Amino acid sequence: MDKKHFVYILLTKNDTLYCGYTDDVEKRFVAHLEGKGAKYTKANKPVKVVWQKEFETKQEALKEEYRIKHKLTRKQKLALINSSHIS
């Protein structure tokens, strides 16, 4: 079975966005809820996954995660979320 590679964006309780990489979005979201996901989400509690995208390779996913985290403004991240909203 091929491993899946995802980039995701979480909305936090204080209305910030957190972007990350995982091979299992649901499992990773639970880890964030339990305070085990990342230092940022330990302090900024996640509310829901607002965007996710699957990639063929880990390298592609990590490249996109970096682009979202370091190159996009909040406004651009919101536009990305709104262009392919998941519920």
N, C-alpha and C. Protein backbone atom coordinates (compact mmCIF):
# COMPACT_ATOMS: atom_id res chain seq x y z
N MET A 1 0.84 -1.19 0.00
CA MET A 1 0.00 0.00 0.00
C MET A 1 0.88 1.25 0.00
N ASP A 2 0.60 2.15 -0.90
CA ASP A 2 1.37 3.39 -1.00
C ASP A 2 1.02 4.32 0.16
N LYS A 3 2.05 4.95 0.68
CA LYS A 3 1.84 5.93 1.75
C LYS A 3 1.30 7.21 1.14
N LYS A 4 0.37 7.81 1.83
CA LYS A 4 -0.22 9.06 1.36
C LYS A 4 0.51 10.24 2.00
N HIS A 5 0.51 11.35 1.29
CA HIS A 5 1.20 12.56 1.75
C HIS A 5 0.24 13.74 1.63
N PHE A 6 0.00 14.40 2.76
CA PHE A 6 -0.96 15.50 2.80
C PHE A 6 -0.34 16.76 3.38
N VAL A 7 -0.79 17.89 2.87
CA VAL A 7 -0.56 19.18 3.50
C VAL A 7 -1.94 19.64 3.94
N TYR A 8 -2.00 20.22 5.13
CA TYR A 8 -3.30 20.63 5.68
C TYR A 8 -3.16 21.98 6.36
N ILE A 9 -4.31 22.65 6.50
CA ILE A 9 -4.36 23.92 7.23
C ILE A 9 -5.44 23.79 8.29
N LEU A 10 -5.09 24.16 9.51
CA LEU A 10 -6.03 24.16 10.64
C LEU A 10 -6.43 25.58 10.97
N LEU A 11 -7.66 25.74 11.40
CA LEU A 11 -8.12 27.00 11.98
C LEU A 11 -8.05 26.82 13.49
N THR A 12 -7.51 27.81 14.20
CA THR A 12 -7.40 27.72 15.66
C THR A 12 -8.47 28.57 16.34
N LYS A 13 -8.64 28.34 17.64
CA LYS A 13 -9.66 29.06 18.40
C LYS A 13 -9.47 30.57 18.36
N ASN A 14 -8.22 31.04 18.28
CA ASN A 14 -7.99 32.48 18.23
C ASN A 14 -7.86 32.99 16.79
N ASP A 15 -8.48 32.25 15.85
CA ASP A 15 -8.59 32.66 14.44
C ASP A 15 -7.25 32.79 13.73
N THR A 16 -6.29 31.92 14.07
CA THR A 16 -5.05 31.86 13.31
C THR A 16 -5.07 30.60 12.47
N LEU A 17 -4.14 30.52 11.53
CA LEU A 17 -4.05 29.36 10.64
C LEU A 17 -2.73 28.65 10.90
N TYR A 18 -2.78 27.32 10.91
CA TYR A 18 -1.58 26.51 11.08
C TYR A 18 -1.49 25.54 9.91
N CYS A 19 -0.35 25.47 9.28
CA CYS A 19 -0.13 24.58 8.14
C CYS A 19 0.84 23.48 8.55
N GLY A 20 0.56 22.26 8.10
CA GLY A 20 1.45 21.14 8.42
C GLY A 20 1.42 20.06 7.37
N TYR A 21 2.30 19.07 7.56
CA TYR A 21 2.41 17.90 6.69
C TYR A 21 2.09 16.65 7.51
N THR A 22 1.45 15.66 6.89
CA THR A 22 1.18 14.39 7.55
C THR A 22 0.89 13.31 6.52
N ASP A 23 0.88 12.07 6.99
CA ASP A 23 0.43 10.96 6.14
C ASP A 23 -0.98 10.51 6.53
N ASP A 24 -1.55 11.15 7.57
CA ASP A 24 -2.89 10.82 8.04
C ASP A 24 -3.49 12.06 8.71
N VAL A 25 -4.33 12.77 7.99
CA VAL A 25 -4.86 14.06 8.47
C VAL A 25 -5.69 13.90 9.74
N GLU A 26 -6.58 12.91 9.78
CA GLU A 26 -7.44 12.73 10.96
C GLU A 26 -6.61 12.42 12.21
N LYS A 27 -5.66 11.51 12.06
CA LYS A 27 -4.80 11.13 13.19
C LYS A 27 -3.98 12.33 13.68
N ARG A 28 -3.48 13.10 12.74
CA ARG A 28 -2.67 14.28 13.08
C ARG A 28 -3.52 15.34 13.77
N PHE A 29 -4.77 15.53 13.31
CA PHE A 29 -5.66 16.50 13.93
C PHE A 29 -5.93 16.11 15.38
N VAL A 30 -6.17 14.83 15.64
CA VAL A 30 -6.38 14.34 17.01
C VAL A 30 -5.14 14.62 17.86
N ALA A 31 -3.95 14.40 17.30
CA ALA A 31 -2.71 14.69 18.03
C ALA A 31 -2.64 16.17 18.38
N HIS A 32 -3.03 17.04 17.45
CA HIS A 32 -3.05 18.48 17.73
C HIS A 32 -4.04 18.78 18.86
N LEU A 33 -5.22 18.17 18.82
CA LEU A 33 -6.23 18.39 19.86
C LEU A 33 -5.73 17.96 21.24
N GLU A 34 -4.94 16.90 21.26
CA GLU A 34 -4.40 16.37 22.52
C GLU A 34 -3.15 17.12 22.97
N GLY A 35 -2.75 18.14 22.22
CA GLY A 35 -1.57 18.93 22.58
C GLY A 35 -0.26 18.26 22.21
N LYS A 36 -0.32 17.24 21.35
CA LYS A 36 0.87 16.49 20.97
C LYS A 36 1.31 16.77 19.53
N GLY A 37 0.57 17.63 18.84
CA GLY A 37 0.83 17.84 17.42
C GLY A 37 2.02 18.74 17.13
N ALA A 38 2.04 19.90 17.73
CA ALA A 38 3.09 20.89 17.48
C ALA A 38 3.05 21.92 18.60
N LYS A 39 4.18 22.56 18.83
CA LYS A 39 4.25 23.58 19.87
C LYS A 39 3.21 24.68 19.62
N TYR A 40 3.06 25.07 18.35
CA TYR A 40 2.12 26.14 18.00
C TYR A 40 0.69 25.78 18.37
N THR A 41 0.27 24.55 18.05
CA THR A 41 -1.12 24.17 18.31
C THR A 41 -1.35 23.78 19.77
N LYS A 42 -0.28 23.63 20.52
CA LYS A 42 -0.42 23.42 21.96
C LYS A 42 -0.88 24.73 22.60
N ALA A 43 -0.35 25.84 22.10
CA ALA A 43 -0.70 27.17 22.62
C ALA A 43 -1.93 27.76 21.92
N ASN A 44 -2.16 27.36 20.68
CA ASN A 44 -3.28 27.87 19.87
C ASN A 44 -4.14 26.68 19.46
N LYS A 45 -5.14 26.38 20.29
CA LYS A 45 -5.94 25.17 20.11
C LYS A 45 -6.65 25.12 18.75
N PRO A 46 -6.50 24.00 18.04
CA PRO A 46 -7.17 23.87 16.74
C PRO A 46 -8.67 23.64 16.89
N VAL A 47 -9.42 24.15 15.92
CA VAL A 47 -10.87 23.99 15.90
C VAL A 47 -11.25 22.97 14.83
N LYS A 48 -10.70 23.14 13.62
CA LYS A 48 -11.02 22.21 12.54
C LYS A 48 -9.99 22.30 11.42
N VAL A 49 -9.99 21.25 10.60
CA VAL A 49 -9.18 21.24 9.38
C VAL A 49 -9.99 22.00 8.33
N VAL A 50 -9.41 23.06 7.79
CA VAL A 50 -10.14 23.88 6.82
C VAL A 50 -9.68 23.66 5.38
N TRP A 51 -8.54 22.95 5.23
CA TRP A 51 -8.02 22.68 3.89
C TRP A 51 -7.07 21.51 3.96
N GLN A 52 -7.09 20.67 2.93
CA GLN A 52 -6.10 19.62 2.81
C GLN A 52 -5.92 19.25 1.35
N LYS A 53 -4.73 18.78 1.01
CA LYS A 53 -4.45 18.37 -0.35
C LYS A 53 -3.49 17.19 -0.30
N GLU A 54 -3.76 16.20 -1.14
CA GLU A 54 -2.91 15.02 -1.20
C GLU A 54 -1.86 15.18 -2.30
N PHE A 55 -0.66 14.66 -2.05
CA PHE A 55 0.44 14.74 -3.00
C PHE A 55 0.98 13.34 -3.28
N GLU A 56 1.57 13.18 -4.44
CA GLU A 56 2.15 11.90 -4.86
C GLU A 56 3.36 11.52 -4.01
N THR A 57 4.20 12.51 -3.69
CA THR A 57 5.43 12.22 -2.95
C THR A 57 5.55 13.12 -1.72
N LYS A 58 6.33 12.65 -0.77
CA LYS A 58 6.59 13.44 0.44
C LYS A 58 7.30 14.73 0.07
N GLN A 59 8.23 14.65 -0.89
CA GLN A 59 8.98 15.83 -1.32
C GLN A 59 8.05 16.93 -1.85
N GLU A 60 7.08 16.54 -2.68
CA GLU A 60 6.12 17.52 -3.22
C GLU A 60 5.31 18.15 -2.09
N ALA A 61 4.87 17.31 -1.16
CA ALA A 61 4.06 17.80 -0.04
C ALA A 61 4.85 18.77 0.83
N LEU A 62 6.07 18.41 1.16
CA LEU A 62 6.89 19.29 2.01
C LEU A 62 7.22 20.60 1.31
N LYS A 63 7.39 20.55 0.01
CA LYS A 63 7.64 21.77 -0.76
C LYS A 63 6.42 22.70 -0.69
N GLU A 64 5.22 22.11 -0.81
CA GLU A 64 3.99 22.92 -0.74
C GLU A 64 3.77 23.44 0.68
N GLU A 65 4.06 22.62 1.69
CA GLU A 65 3.94 23.08 3.07
C GLU A 65 4.84 24.30 3.30
N TYR A 66 6.06 24.22 2.83
CA TYR A 66 7.00 25.33 2.99
C TYR A 66 6.47 26.59 2.28
N ARG A 67 5.96 26.41 1.05
CA ARG A 67 5.43 27.54 0.28
C ARG A 67 4.28 28.21 1.04
N ILE A 68 3.36 27.41 1.55
CA ILE A 68 2.21 27.96 2.27
C ILE A 68 2.66 28.67 3.54
N LYS A 69 3.52 28.01 4.32
CA LYS A 69 3.96 28.59 5.60
C LYS A 69 4.79 29.86 5.44
N HIS A 70 5.68 29.86 4.46
CA HIS A 70 6.68 30.94 4.39
C HIS A 70 6.49 31.95 3.26
N LYS A 71 5.67 31.62 2.28
CA LYS A 71 5.54 32.52 1.13
C LYS A 71 4.16 33.18 1.04
N LEU A 72 3.13 32.54 1.60
CA LEU A 72 1.78 33.09 1.46
C LEU A 72 1.40 33.97 2.64
N THR A 73 0.71 35.04 2.33
CA THR A 73 0.16 35.90 3.38
C THR A 73 -1.11 35.23 3.92
N ARG A 74 -1.62 35.73 5.02
CA ARG A 74 -2.88 35.20 5.55
C ARG A 74 -3.99 35.32 4.51
N LYS A 75 -4.03 36.46 3.83
CA LYS A 75 -5.05 36.68 2.81
C LYS A 75 -4.94 35.63 1.70
N GLN A 76 -3.74 35.31 1.29
CA GLN A 76 -3.52 34.30 0.25
C GLN A 76 -3.90 32.90 0.75
N LYS A 77 -3.61 32.62 2.02
CA LYS A 77 -3.99 31.33 2.60
C LYS A 77 -5.51 31.19 2.64
N LEU A 78 -6.20 32.27 3.01
CA LEU A 78 -7.66 32.25 3.04
C LEU A 78 -8.23 32.05 1.63
N ALA A 79 -7.61 32.66 0.63
CA ALA A 79 -8.06 32.48 -0.75
C ALA A 79 -7.86 31.02 -1.18
N LEU A 80 -6.75 30.41 -0.78
CA LEU A 80 -6.49 29.00 -1.08
C LEU A 80 -7.57 28.12 -0.44
N ILE A 81 -7.87 28.39 0.82
CA ILE A 81 -8.89 27.63 1.55
C ILE A 81 -10.24 27.79 0.86
N ASN A 82 -10.60 29.01 0.51
CA ASN A 82 -11.91 29.29 -0.09
C ASN A 82 -12.04 28.72 -1.50
N SER A 83 -10.90 28.54 -2.20
CA SER A 83 -10.97 28.03 -3.57
C SER A 83 -11.22 26.53 -3.62
N SER A 84 -10.95 25.83 -2.54
CA SER A 84 -11.17 24.37 -2.52
C SER A 84 -11.58 23.94 -1.12
N HIS A 85 -12.67 24.49 -0.67
CA HIS A 85 -13.14 24.28 0.72
C HIS A 85 -13.56 22.84 0.97
N ILE A 86 -13.15 22.30 2.12
CA ILE A 86 -13.63 20.99 2.56
C ILE A 86 -14.55 21.21 3.74
N SER A 87 -15.52 20.36 3.92
CA SER A 87 -16.44 20.55 5.04
C SER A 87 -16.30 19.44 6.05
